[in-house]
N, C-alpha and C. Protein backbone atom coordinates (compact mmCIF):
# COMPACT_ATOMS: atom_id res chain seq x y z
N MET A 1 -3.59 8.90 -4.07
CA MET A 1 -2.76 8.54 -5.31
C MET A 1 -3.11 8.41 -6.60
N SER A 2 -2.60 8.54 -7.69
CA SER A 2 -2.85 8.86 -8.99
C SER A 2 -1.89 8.22 -9.83
N LYS A 3 -2.40 7.81 -11.04
CA LYS A 3 -1.47 7.52 -11.91
C LYS A 3 -0.34 8.39 -12.22
N SER A 4 -0.61 9.40 -12.39
CA SER A 4 0.57 10.61 -12.74
C SER A 4 1.39 10.64 -11.06
N THR A 5 1.03 10.41 -10.29
CA THR A 5 1.72 9.98 -9.08
C THR A 5 2.86 8.99 -9.15
N VAL A 6 2.34 7.78 -9.53
CA VAL A 6 2.88 6.62 -9.67
C VAL A 6 4.11 7.04 -10.42
N LEU A 7 3.79 7.45 -11.87
CA LEU A 7 4.85 7.58 -13.07
C LEU A 7 5.98 8.76 -12.51
N ASN A 8 5.53 9.45 -11.76
CA ASN A 8 6.56 10.51 -11.29
C ASN A 8 7.31 10.13 -10.81
N HIS A 9 6.78 9.14 -9.39
CA HIS A 9 7.78 8.53 -8.67
C HIS A 9 8.89 7.86 -9.26
N LEU A 10 8.42 6.99 -10.10
CA LEU A 10 9.28 6.12 -11.16
C LEU A 10 10.34 6.91 -11.87
N ARG A 11 9.65 8.09 -12.47
CA ARG A 11 10.57 8.79 -13.39
C ARG A 11 11.78 9.62 -12.48
N ASN A 12 11.43 9.98 -11.24
CA ASN A 12 12.37 10.94 -10.26
C ASN A 12 12.97 10.06 -9.56
N ARG A 13 12.42 9.16 -8.72
CA ARG A 13 13.16 8.12 -7.76
C ARG A 13 14.02 9.32 -6.75
N VAL A 14 13.46 10.17 -6.46
CA VAL A 14 14.50 11.11 -5.43
C VAL A 14 13.98 10.66 -3.84
N ILE A 15 14.90 10.39 -3.05
CA ILE A 15 14.55 10.30 -1.61
C ILE A 15 15.69 11.05 -0.77
N ASP A 16 15.29 11.68 -0.19
CA ASP A 16 15.95 12.39 0.80
C ASP A 16 17.03 13.27 0.29
N GLY A 17 16.56 13.88 -1.09
CA GLY A 17 17.52 14.50 -2.01
C GLY A 17 18.44 14.07 -2.90
N LYS A 18 18.22 12.42 -2.69
CA LYS A 18 19.03 11.82 -3.65
C LYS A 18 18.46 10.90 -4.48
N GLU A 19 18.87 10.82 -5.85
CA GLU A 19 18.36 9.97 -6.66
C GLU A 19 18.77 8.66 -6.65
N HIS A 20 17.76 7.60 -6.79
CA HIS A 20 17.93 6.14 -6.70
C HIS A 20 17.63 5.30 -7.86
N LYS A 21 18.48 4.14 -8.26
CA LYS A 21 17.99 3.55 -9.61
C LYS A 21 17.09 2.19 -8.95
N ILE A 22 16.40 2.17 -9.63
CA ILE A 22 15.33 0.69 -9.21
C ILE A 22 16.36 -0.59 -9.38
N ARG A 23 16.12 -1.37 -8.44
CA ARG A 23 16.62 -2.73 -8.20
C ARG A 23 15.70 -3.49 -8.72
N ASN A 24 14.64 -3.61 -7.80
CA ASN A 24 13.70 -4.63 -8.21
C ASN A 24 12.19 -3.95 -7.88
N LEU A 25 11.19 -3.84 -8.95
CA LEU A 25 10.05 -3.28 -9.09
C LEU A 25 9.02 -4.33 -8.93
N VAL A 26 8.28 -4.57 -7.91
CA VAL A 26 7.38 -5.45 -8.16
C VAL A 26 5.75 -5.13 -8.07
N PHE A 27 4.87 -5.79 -8.67
CA PHE A 27 3.70 -5.41 -8.58
C PHE A 27 2.93 -6.59 -8.18
N PHE A 28 2.29 -6.18 -6.98
CA PHE A 28 1.31 -7.28 -6.55
C PHE A 28 -0.05 -6.35 -6.61
N CYS A 29 -0.89 -6.81 -7.58
CA CYS A 29 -2.20 -6.17 -7.90
C CYS A 29 -2.96 -6.88 -9.18
N HIS A 30 -4.04 -6.28 -9.46
CA HIS A 30 -4.84 -6.70 -10.71
C HIS A 30 -4.05 -6.43 -11.93
N GLY A 31 -4.46 -7.37 -12.85
CA GLY A 31 -4.12 -7.07 -14.07
C GLY A 31 -5.07 -7.78 -15.15
N THR A 32 -5.08 -7.15 -16.39
CA THR A 32 -5.69 -7.58 -17.50
C THR A 32 -4.84 -7.63 -18.68
N PRO A 33 -4.85 -8.36 -19.85
CA PRO A 33 -4.13 -8.22 -20.96
C PRO A 33 -3.56 -6.76 -21.37
N GLY A 34 -2.54 -6.59 -21.10
CA GLY A 34 -2.13 -5.07 -21.42
C GLY A 34 -2.53 -3.97 -20.43
N THR A 35 -2.68 -4.40 -19.22
CA THR A 35 -2.80 -3.32 -18.14
C THR A 35 -2.36 -4.05 -16.78
N ILE A 36 -1.89 -3.07 -16.00
CA ILE A 36 -1.52 -3.37 -14.52
C ILE A 36 -2.23 -2.45 -14.23
N ALA A 37 -3.32 -2.92 -13.16
CA ALA A 37 -4.46 -2.39 -12.74
C ALA A 37 -4.49 -2.01 -11.04
N TRP A 38 -3.60 -1.01 -10.66
CA TRP A 38 -3.56 -0.80 -9.55
C TRP A 38 -4.86 -0.42 -8.98
N ASN A 39 -5.46 -0.53 -7.81
CA ASN A 39 -6.45 0.06 -7.35
C ASN A 39 -7.98 -0.52 -7.80
N TYR A 40 -7.72 -1.73 -8.80
CA TYR A 40 -9.08 -2.25 -9.25
C TYR A 40 -9.92 -2.80 -8.22
N PRO A 41 -11.10 -2.84 -8.35
CA PRO A 41 -11.91 -2.12 -9.09
C PRO A 41 -12.38 -0.58 -8.67
N GLU A 42 -11.61 0.06 -7.71
CA GLU A 42 -12.00 1.24 -6.98
C GLU A 42 -11.77 2.27 -7.92
N ARG A 43 -11.79 3.60 -7.44
CA ARG A 43 -11.80 4.85 -8.09
C ARG A 43 -10.46 5.49 -7.09
N PRO A 44 -9.82 6.32 -7.63
CA PRO A 44 -9.62 6.41 -8.96
C PRO A 44 -8.78 5.31 -9.74
N ASP A 45 -9.17 5.00 -11.00
CA ASP A 45 -8.28 3.98 -11.82
C ASP A 45 -6.89 4.51 -11.69
N ILE A 46 -6.12 3.21 -11.69
CA ILE A 46 -4.65 3.66 -11.89
C ILE A 46 -4.32 2.45 -12.83
N ASP A 47 -4.61 2.52 -14.02
CA ASP A 47 -4.17 1.68 -14.94
C ASP A 47 -2.84 1.93 -15.74
N LEU A 48 -1.91 0.98 -15.46
CA LEU A 48 -0.48 1.33 -16.13
C LEU A 48 -0.50 0.37 -17.50
N GLU A 49 -0.42 0.94 -18.76
CA GLU A 49 0.01 0.26 -19.74
C GLU A 49 1.24 0.51 -20.31
N PRO A 50 1.47 -0.16 -21.28
CA PRO A 50 2.89 -0.19 -21.92
C PRO A 50 3.47 1.02 -22.46
N ASP A 51 2.55 1.78 -22.90
CA ASP A 51 2.92 3.25 -23.31
C ASP A 51 3.30 4.03 -22.37
N ASP A 52 2.75 3.93 -21.01
CA ASP A 52 3.12 4.67 -19.85
C ASP A 52 4.65 4.37 -19.28
N PHE A 53 4.96 2.96 -19.48
CA PHE A 53 6.16 2.74 -19.32
C PHE A 53 7.17 2.94 -20.29
N ILE A 54 6.86 3.03 -21.41
CA ILE A 54 7.87 3.40 -22.43
C ILE A 54 8.16 4.89 -22.57
N GLY A 55 7.02 5.64 -21.97
CA GLY A 55 7.24 6.96 -21.81
C GLY A 55 8.35 7.58 -20.92
N LEU A 56 8.74 6.49 -19.67
CA LEU A 56 9.52 6.66 -18.60
C LEU A 56 11.05 6.66 -19.63
N PRO A 57 11.95 7.07 -18.83
CA PRO A 57 13.48 7.25 -19.01
C PRO A 57 13.89 5.81 -19.42
N SER A 58 14.64 5.15 -19.98
CA SER A 58 15.04 3.82 -20.20
C SER A 58 15.91 3.28 -19.13
N ASN A 59 16.76 4.57 -18.40
CA ASN A 59 17.96 4.08 -17.74
C ASN A 59 17.61 4.30 -16.10
N ILE A 60 16.33 3.89 -15.71
CA ILE A 60 15.93 4.15 -14.17
C ILE A 60 16.24 2.77 -13.48
N PHE A 61 16.50 1.70 -14.01
CA PHE A 61 16.77 0.78 -13.24
C PHE A 61 18.48 0.49 -13.30
N SER A 62 18.81 -0.01 -12.34
CA SER A 62 20.13 -0.28 -11.93
C SER A 62 20.74 -1.44 -12.63
N LEU A 63 21.94 -1.60 -13.07
CA LEU A 63 22.41 -2.82 -13.75
C LEU A 63 21.97 -3.96 -12.91
N GLY A 64 21.24 -5.00 -13.68
CA GLY A 64 20.63 -6.38 -13.00
C GLY A 64 19.47 -5.94 -12.72
N GLY A 65 18.78 -4.72 -12.65
CA GLY A 65 17.20 -4.51 -12.26
C GLY A 65 16.34 -5.32 -12.80
N ARG A 66 15.34 -5.82 -12.17
CA ARG A 66 14.46 -6.84 -12.54
C ARG A 66 12.90 -6.11 -12.10
N ILE A 67 12.05 -6.74 -12.59
CA ILE A 67 10.64 -6.28 -12.78
C ILE A 67 9.80 -7.74 -12.23
N PHE A 68 9.19 -7.71 -11.20
CA PHE A 68 8.09 -9.01 -10.90
C PHE A 68 6.68 -8.52 -11.01
N SER A 69 6.22 -8.98 -11.87
CA SER A 69 4.32 -8.74 -12.11
C SER A 69 3.97 -9.81 -11.59
N TYR A 70 3.33 -10.06 -10.34
CA TYR A 70 2.12 -10.87 -9.81
C TYR A 70 0.65 -10.57 -10.33
N ALA A 71 0.66 -9.34 -11.16
CA ALA A 71 -0.64 -9.17 -11.61
C ALA A 71 -1.08 -10.09 -12.82
N CYS A 72 -2.35 -10.44 -12.95
CA CYS A 72 -2.84 -11.20 -13.92
C CYS A 72 -2.19 -10.83 -15.36
N GLN A 73 -1.79 -11.88 -16.32
CA GLN A 73 -1.54 -11.67 -17.52
C GLN A 73 -0.64 -10.84 -18.15
N THR A 74 0.26 -10.07 -17.54
CA THR A 74 1.16 -9.10 -17.88
C THR A 74 2.19 -9.57 -18.79
N ALA A 75 2.40 -10.95 -19.14
CA ALA A 75 3.24 -11.59 -19.96
C ALA A 75 2.50 -11.45 -21.52
N ARG A 76 1.18 -11.18 -21.36
CA ARG A 76 0.43 -11.56 -22.52
C ARG A 76 0.51 -10.09 -23.52
N GLN A 77 0.15 -10.12 -24.90
CA GLN A 77 0.32 -9.27 -25.61
C GLN A 77 1.18 -8.33 -25.88
N GLY A 78 2.37 -8.81 -25.37
CA GLY A 78 3.72 -8.25 -25.58
C GLY A 78 4.01 -7.42 -24.49
N PHE A 79 3.11 -7.03 -23.35
CA PHE A 79 3.42 -6.07 -22.29
C PHE A 79 4.73 -6.34 -21.68
N GLY A 80 4.83 -7.63 -21.18
CA GLY A 80 6.36 -8.06 -20.21
C GLY A 80 7.48 -8.00 -21.05
N GLN A 81 7.26 -8.25 -22.31
CA GLN A 81 8.36 -8.21 -23.16
C GLN A 81 8.87 -6.79 -23.59
N SER A 82 7.93 -5.95 -23.69
CA SER A 82 8.30 -4.37 -23.96
C SER A 82 8.59 -3.65 -22.83
N LEU A 83 8.46 -4.13 -21.62
CA LEU A 83 9.00 -3.66 -20.59
C LEU A 83 10.48 -4.30 -20.44
N ALA A 84 10.75 -5.43 -20.70
CA ALA A 84 12.04 -5.96 -20.69
C ALA A 84 12.95 -5.27 -21.62
N ASP A 85 12.24 -5.06 -22.61
CA ASP A 85 12.99 -4.50 -24.03
C ASP A 85 13.28 -2.85 -23.76
N HIS A 86 12.52 -1.89 -23.31
CA HIS A 86 12.68 -0.77 -23.09
C HIS A 86 13.74 -0.23 -21.70
N PHE A 87 13.69 -1.08 -20.79
CA PHE A 87 14.70 -0.87 -19.57
C PHE A 87 15.68 -1.64 -19.30
N ASP A 88 15.82 -2.79 -20.54
CA ASP A 88 16.83 -4.01 -20.59
C ASP A 88 17.02 -4.59 -19.09
N VAL A 89 15.96 -5.01 -18.80
CA VAL A 89 15.75 -5.54 -17.49
C VAL A 89 15.20 -7.33 -17.84
N SER A 90 15.30 -7.99 -16.60
CA SER A 90 14.69 -9.26 -16.59
C SER A 90 13.22 -8.98 -16.00
N VAL A 91 12.15 -9.52 -16.83
CA VAL A 91 10.55 -9.37 -16.36
C VAL A 91 10.23 -10.83 -16.00
N ARG A 92 9.65 -11.01 -14.85
CA ARG A 92 9.09 -12.06 -14.68
C ARG A 92 7.46 -12.04 -14.48
N ALA A 93 6.69 -12.63 -15.37
CA ALA A 93 5.10 -12.37 -15.10
C ALA A 93 4.38 -13.65 -15.36
N PHE A 94 3.00 -13.61 -15.35
CA PHE A 94 2.30 -14.62 -15.78
C PHE A 94 1.63 -14.54 -17.14
N TYR A 95 1.70 -15.33 -18.20
CA TYR A 95 0.60 -15.08 -19.48
C TYR A 95 -0.78 -15.42 -18.75
N ARG A 96 -1.01 -16.36 -18.05
CA ARG A 96 -2.15 -17.00 -17.35
C ARG A 96 -2.62 -15.75 -16.21
N ARG A 97 -3.89 -16.01 -15.75
CA ARG A 97 -4.10 -15.32 -14.48
C ARG A 97 -3.44 -15.69 -13.34
N SER A 98 -3.26 -14.71 -12.49
CA SER A 98 -2.63 -15.34 -11.31
C SER A 98 -3.61 -15.63 -9.97
N PHE A 99 -3.19 -16.31 -9.13
CA PHE A 99 -3.71 -17.01 -8.34
C PHE A 99 -3.38 -16.82 -6.84
N TYR A 100 -3.88 -15.87 -6.05
CA TYR A 100 -3.55 -15.26 -4.76
C TYR A 100 -4.13 -16.04 -3.54
N GLU A 101 -4.94 -16.77 -3.95
CA GLU A 101 -5.77 -17.71 -2.66
C GLU A 101 -4.80 -18.28 -1.48
N LEU A 102 -3.80 -18.56 -2.19
CA LEU A 102 -2.80 -19.34 -0.86
C LEU A 102 -1.92 -18.47 -0.61
N CYS A 103 -2.08 -17.40 -0.50
CA CYS A 103 -1.23 -16.28 0.34
C CYS A 103 -1.18 -15.96 1.26
N LEU A 104 -2.31 -15.90 1.73
CA LEU A 104 -2.40 -15.49 2.88
C LEU A 104 -3.33 -16.43 4.16
N ARG A 105 -3.84 -17.36 3.49
CA ARG A 105 -4.59 -18.47 4.51
C ARG A 105 -4.47 -19.73 3.69
N ASP A 106 -4.98 -20.90 4.66
CA ASP A 106 -5.15 -22.04 3.96
C ASP A 106 -6.77 -22.01 3.71
N PRO A 107 -7.01 -22.54 2.34
CA PRO A 107 -8.56 -22.33 2.04
C PRO A 107 -9.38 -23.30 2.94
N SER A 108 -8.91 -24.10 3.43
CA SER A 108 -9.89 -24.74 4.46
C SER A 108 -10.11 -23.92 5.58
N ASP A 109 -9.47 -23.07 5.89
CA ASP A 109 -9.65 -22.01 7.37
C ASP A 109 -10.41 -20.87 6.72
N SER A 110 -10.65 -20.88 5.62
CA SER A 110 -11.68 -19.79 5.33
C SER A 110 -13.08 -19.33 5.81
N ASP A 111 -13.71 -20.41 6.23
CA ASP A 111 -14.81 -20.18 7.02
C ASP A 111 -14.84 -19.82 8.21
N ARG A 112 -13.71 -20.41 9.02
CA ARG A 112 -13.45 -20.18 10.49
C ARG A 112 -13.32 -18.54 10.41
N ILE A 113 -12.22 -17.98 9.45
CA ILE A 113 -11.91 -16.75 9.56
C ILE A 113 -13.01 -15.59 9.28
N ALA A 114 -13.90 -16.22 8.43
CA ALA A 114 -14.92 -15.41 8.00
C ALA A 114 -15.96 -15.24 9.07
N THR A 115 -16.26 -16.33 9.71
CA THR A 115 -17.16 -16.38 11.01
C THR A 115 -16.90 -15.48 12.15
N ILE A 116 -15.32 -15.45 12.52
CA ILE A 116 -14.72 -14.48 13.36
C ILE A 116 -14.94 -13.21 12.98
N LEU A 117 -14.60 -12.76 11.76
CA LEU A 117 -14.44 -11.64 11.69
C LEU A 117 -16.12 -11.10 11.66
N ARG A 118 -16.73 -11.77 10.87
CA ARG A 118 -18.34 -11.45 11.05
C ARG A 118 -19.07 -11.23 12.32
N GLU A 119 -18.58 -12.05 13.36
CA GLU A 119 -19.03 -12.07 14.53
C GLU A 119 -18.36 -10.68 15.47
N HIS A 120 -16.98 -10.56 15.16
CA HIS A 120 -16.54 -9.37 16.09
C HIS A 120 -16.86 -8.01 15.09
N ARG A 121 -17.40 -7.80 13.88
CA ARG A 121 -17.84 -6.89 13.31
C ARG A 121 -19.22 -6.08 14.01
N GLU A 122 -19.69 -6.99 14.88
CA GLU A 122 -20.81 -6.61 15.46
C GLU A 122 -20.61 -5.69 16.52
N THR A 123 -19.51 -5.70 16.95
CA THR A 123 -19.15 -4.66 18.24
C THR A 123 -17.79 -3.81 17.94
N GLN A 124 -17.05 -4.40 16.94
CA GLN A 124 -15.69 -3.65 16.71
C GLN A 124 -15.69 -3.20 15.29
N GLU A 125 -16.91 -2.76 14.77
CA GLU A 125 -17.09 -2.47 13.24
C GLU A 125 -16.05 -1.15 13.17
N GLY A 126 -15.24 -1.00 11.98
CA GLY A 126 -14.49 0.13 11.80
C GLY A 126 -13.00 0.03 12.63
N GLN A 127 -12.89 -1.15 13.39
CA GLN A 127 -11.54 -1.33 14.07
C GLN A 127 -10.98 -2.55 13.36
N LYS A 128 -9.72 -2.50 13.90
CA LYS A 128 -8.58 -3.65 13.49
C LYS A 128 -9.14 -4.70 14.48
N ILE A 129 -9.64 -6.07 14.01
CA ILE A 129 -10.03 -7.38 14.59
C ILE A 129 -9.05 -8.19 14.63
N ASP A 130 -8.86 -8.86 15.76
CA ASP A 130 -7.65 -10.04 15.74
C ASP A 130 -8.59 -11.43 15.18
N ILE A 131 -7.89 -12.02 14.63
CA ILE A 131 -8.63 -13.29 14.42
C ILE A 131 -7.27 -14.49 14.57
N PRO A 132 -7.07 -14.95 15.91
CA PRO A 132 -6.22 -15.76 16.18
C PRO A 132 -6.33 -17.08 15.53
N PRO A 133 -5.14 -17.55 15.29
CA PRO A 133 -4.09 -17.61 15.82
C PRO A 133 -2.97 -16.46 15.17
N ASP A 134 -3.33 -16.42 13.82
CA ASP A 134 -2.44 -16.14 12.79
C ASP A 134 -2.83 -14.73 11.75
N HIS A 135 -4.12 -14.23 12.12
CA HIS A 135 -4.76 -13.38 11.08
C HIS A 135 -5.16 -12.15 12.02
N GLU A 136 -5.26 -11.20 11.14
CA GLU A 136 -5.73 -9.71 11.76
C GLU A 136 -6.55 -9.22 10.41
N ALA A 137 -7.79 -8.42 10.73
CA ALA A 137 -8.43 -7.86 9.79
C ALA A 137 -8.40 -6.37 10.10
N PHE A 138 -8.31 -5.45 8.77
CA PHE A 138 -7.98 -3.85 9.12
C PHE A 138 -9.36 -3.50 8.10
N PRO A 139 -9.93 -2.41 8.81
CA PRO A 139 -10.91 -1.64 7.93
C PRO A 139 -10.10 -0.98 6.72
N HIS A 140 -10.86 -1.64 5.60
CA HIS A 140 -10.36 -1.09 4.27
C HIS A 140 -11.95 -0.53 3.27
N PRO A 141 -12.25 0.47 3.88
CA PRO A 141 -13.50 0.90 2.99
C PRO A 141 -13.50 0.94 1.77
N GLY A 142 -14.43 0.38 1.19
CA GLY A 142 -14.73 0.16 -0.36
C GLY A 142 -14.27 -1.36 -1.03
N LEU A 143 -13.23 -1.86 -0.11
CA LEU A 143 -12.62 -3.29 -0.79
C LEU A 143 -13.98 -4.36 -0.68
N GLY A 144 -14.34 -4.66 -2.40
CA GLY A 144 -15.26 -5.63 -2.32
C GLY A 144 -16.58 -5.23 -2.34
N THR A 145 -16.75 -4.02 -2.60
CA THR A 145 -17.89 -3.50 -2.60
C THR A 145 -18.52 -3.17 -4.18
N ASN A 146 -17.59 -3.19 -5.11
CA ASN A 146 -17.81 -2.72 -6.41
C ASN A 146 -17.99 -3.83 -7.48
N ILE A 147 -17.93 -5.28 -6.72
CA ILE A 147 -18.13 -6.41 -7.37
C ILE A 147 -19.31 -7.21 -6.77
N PRO A 148 -20.29 -7.09 -7.75
CA PRO A 148 -21.65 -7.67 -7.01
C PRO A 148 -21.80 -8.80 -6.45
N PHE A 149 -20.75 -10.00 -7.12
CA PHE A 149 -21.08 -11.09 -6.69
C PHE A 149 -19.87 -11.84 -5.87
N THR A 150 -19.32 -10.86 -4.94
CA THR A 150 -18.27 -11.79 -4.47
C THR A 150 -18.31 -12.44 -3.48
N ARG A 151 -17.37 -13.28 -2.94
CA ARG A 151 -17.36 -14.19 -1.70
C ARG A 151 -17.59 -13.32 -0.53
N GLY A 152 -16.63 -12.13 -0.23
CA GLY A 152 -16.66 -11.36 0.59
C GLY A 152 -18.13 -10.93 0.95
N ARG A 153 -19.03 -10.43 0.21
CA ARG A 153 -20.34 -10.07 0.53
C ARG A 153 -21.05 -11.33 1.01
N ALA A 154 -21.04 -12.59 0.59
CA ALA A 154 -21.70 -13.60 1.36
C ALA A 154 -20.88 -13.83 2.69
N GLU A 155 -19.78 -13.67 3.03
CA GLU A 155 -18.74 -14.06 4.16
C GLU A 155 -19.06 -13.10 5.09
N GLY A 156 -19.37 -11.92 4.80
CA GLY A 156 -19.52 -10.53 5.75
C GLY A 156 -17.92 -9.67 5.75
N THR A 157 -17.19 -9.94 4.98
CA THR A 157 -15.98 -9.35 4.98
C THR A 157 -15.77 -8.34 4.25
N ARG A 158 -16.57 -7.76 3.34
CA ARG A 158 -16.39 -6.71 2.55
C ARG A 158 -16.00 -5.59 3.56
N ASN A 159 -15.38 -4.62 2.94
CA ASN A 159 -14.66 -3.39 3.44
C ASN A 159 -13.58 -3.65 4.63
N TYR A 160 -13.14 -4.83 4.57
CA TYR A 160 -12.07 -5.32 5.60
C TYR A 160 -11.09 -5.99 4.45
N ALA A 161 -9.71 -5.68 5.09
CA ALA A 161 -8.53 -6.51 4.39
C ALA A 161 -7.96 -7.34 5.48
N LEU A 162 -7.76 -8.64 5.08
CA LEU A 162 -7.13 -9.72 5.76
C LEU A 162 -5.60 -9.39 5.64
N TRP A 163 -5.03 -9.85 6.92
CA TRP A 163 -3.54 -9.79 6.83
C TRP A 163 -3.14 -10.96 7.62
N ARG A 164 -1.98 -11.76 7.39
CA ARG A 164 -1.34 -12.64 8.06
C ARG A 164 -0.44 -12.22 8.81
N LYS A 165 -0.28 -12.47 10.11
CA LYS A 165 0.67 -11.79 11.35
C LYS A 165 2.01 -12.03 10.90
N GLY A 166 2.28 -13.10 10.42
CA GLY A 166 3.57 -13.53 10.14
C GLY A 166 4.03 -13.28 8.78
N GLY A 167 3.32 -12.61 8.20
CA GLY A 167 3.67 -12.30 6.68
C GLY A 167 2.79 -13.48 5.72
N ALA A 168 2.99 -13.36 4.55
CA ALA A 168 2.35 -14.02 3.62
C ALA A 168 2.97 -15.61 3.59
N ILE A 169 2.01 -16.51 3.32
CA ILE A 169 2.47 -17.90 3.47
C ILE A 169 3.38 -18.22 2.22
N GLY A 170 2.95 -17.56 1.21
CA GLY A 170 3.63 -17.88 -0.24
C GLY A 170 3.60 -16.94 -1.09
N LEU A 171 3.92 -17.02 -2.62
CA LEU A 171 3.68 -15.92 -3.43
C LEU A 171 2.61 -16.47 -4.29
N PRO A 172 1.77 -15.59 -5.21
CA PRO A 172 0.83 -16.05 -6.22
C PRO A 172 1.38 -16.82 -6.96
N ILE A 173 0.75 -17.76 -7.51
CA ILE A 173 0.93 -18.72 -8.18
C ILE A 173 0.19 -18.65 -9.86
N THR A 174 0.60 -19.31 -10.50
CA THR A 174 -0.10 -19.31 -11.89
C THR A 174 -1.68 -20.16 -11.92
N GLY A 175 -2.45 -19.40 -12.17
CA GLY A 175 -3.84 -19.87 -12.52
C GLY A 175 -4.19 -20.98 -13.51
N ASN A 176 -5.46 -21.12 -13.67
CA ASN A 176 -5.50 -22.03 -14.60
C ASN A 176 -6.30 -21.80 -15.99
N THR A 177 -6.60 -20.14 -15.98
CA THR A 177 -7.00 -19.62 -17.30
C THR A 177 -6.28 -18.46 -17.55
N PRO A 178 -6.32 -18.03 -18.85
CA PRO A 178 -6.89 -19.06 -20.12
C PRO A 178 -5.88 -20.30 -20.39
N ALA A 179 -6.63 -21.03 -20.50
CA ALA A 179 -5.98 -22.70 -20.52
C ALA A 179 -4.82 -22.70 -21.90
N GLU A 180 -5.05 -21.81 -22.86
CA GLU A 180 -4.37 -21.93 -24.14
C GLU A 180 -2.93 -21.21 -23.97
N GLN A 181 -2.96 -20.42 -22.67
CA GLN A 181 -1.76 -19.44 -22.58
C GLN A 181 -0.56 -20.43 -21.83
N PRO A 182 0.61 -20.09 -22.01
CA PRO A 182 1.72 -20.85 -21.12
C PRO A 182 1.61 -20.84 -19.77
N TRP A 183 1.84 -21.90 -19.23
CA TRP A 183 1.73 -21.81 -17.67
C TRP A 183 3.31 -21.58 -17.04
N GLY A 184 2.93 -20.91 -15.84
CA GLY A 184 4.38 -20.53 -15.14
C GLY A 184 4.46 -19.18 -14.96
N PHE A 185 5.30 -18.76 -13.92
CA PHE A 185 5.70 -17.63 -13.84
C PHE A 185 7.17 -17.29 -14.93
N ILE A 186 6.93 -17.06 -16.05
CA ILE A 186 7.68 -16.79 -17.24
C ILE A 186 8.97 -15.70 -16.99
N GLU A 187 10.11 -15.86 -17.15
CA GLU A 187 11.21 -15.03 -17.13
C GLU A 187 11.23 -14.27 -18.78
N LEU A 188 11.35 -13.16 -18.97
CA LEU A 188 11.57 -12.22 -20.20
C LEU A 188 12.73 -11.45 -20.20
N GLN A 189 13.39 -11.67 -21.14
CA GLN A 189 14.62 -11.17 -21.25
C GLN A 189 14.78 -9.95 -22.38
N SER A 190 15.20 -8.87 -22.38
CA SER A 190 15.40 -8.12 -23.56
C SER A 190 15.76 -8.58 -24.68
N GLN A 191 15.21 -8.42 -25.86
CA GLN A 191 15.77 -8.67 -27.01
C GLN A 191 15.92 -7.54 -28.02
N GLU A 192 16.23 -6.48 -27.21
CA GLU A 192 17.10 -5.21 -28.15
C GLU A 192 18.41 -5.67 -28.05
N GLU A 193 18.86 -5.17 -29.21
CA GLU A 193 20.64 -5.21 -29.28
C GLU A 193 21.09 -4.09 -29.11
């Protein structure tokens, strides 16, 4: 996967020989002001910036199309507004950092999950690991290894991705920082005439 692959897919949208319009485009990934950062902090960088989207045809969305970005701070520095204006769609995004911690587990269950994963890795390293009753962990080489002071390093969960068997408990929510930015999952509408 590369940045050009992502942009070409958005540009062409051909599946089984038929071109499709986008109804909903959803980003679950990292972000910084002015960047949707897929694959962060791994390599290759797949950093999507406003100019990348402005370089796409403006008619790739169906009537009533929407963009939902759960990446941190997509609404800042005019990024979300530039998407709404260029594609004439509704954009939902955060000005603040997004908070994913409540999506897959109750934080009070984190120690139990980490303990089970760490213990099972002794005999099942590199395999899917069941974490009853609601979770499983899948090998994901490189996950959590490029950030020196992550909780995953201390927990023994690096190189594994945690999944909830029944799906996410909820969607990401607004974080607390930067505090001077508006709170909430903001809706931005096209201001172009």
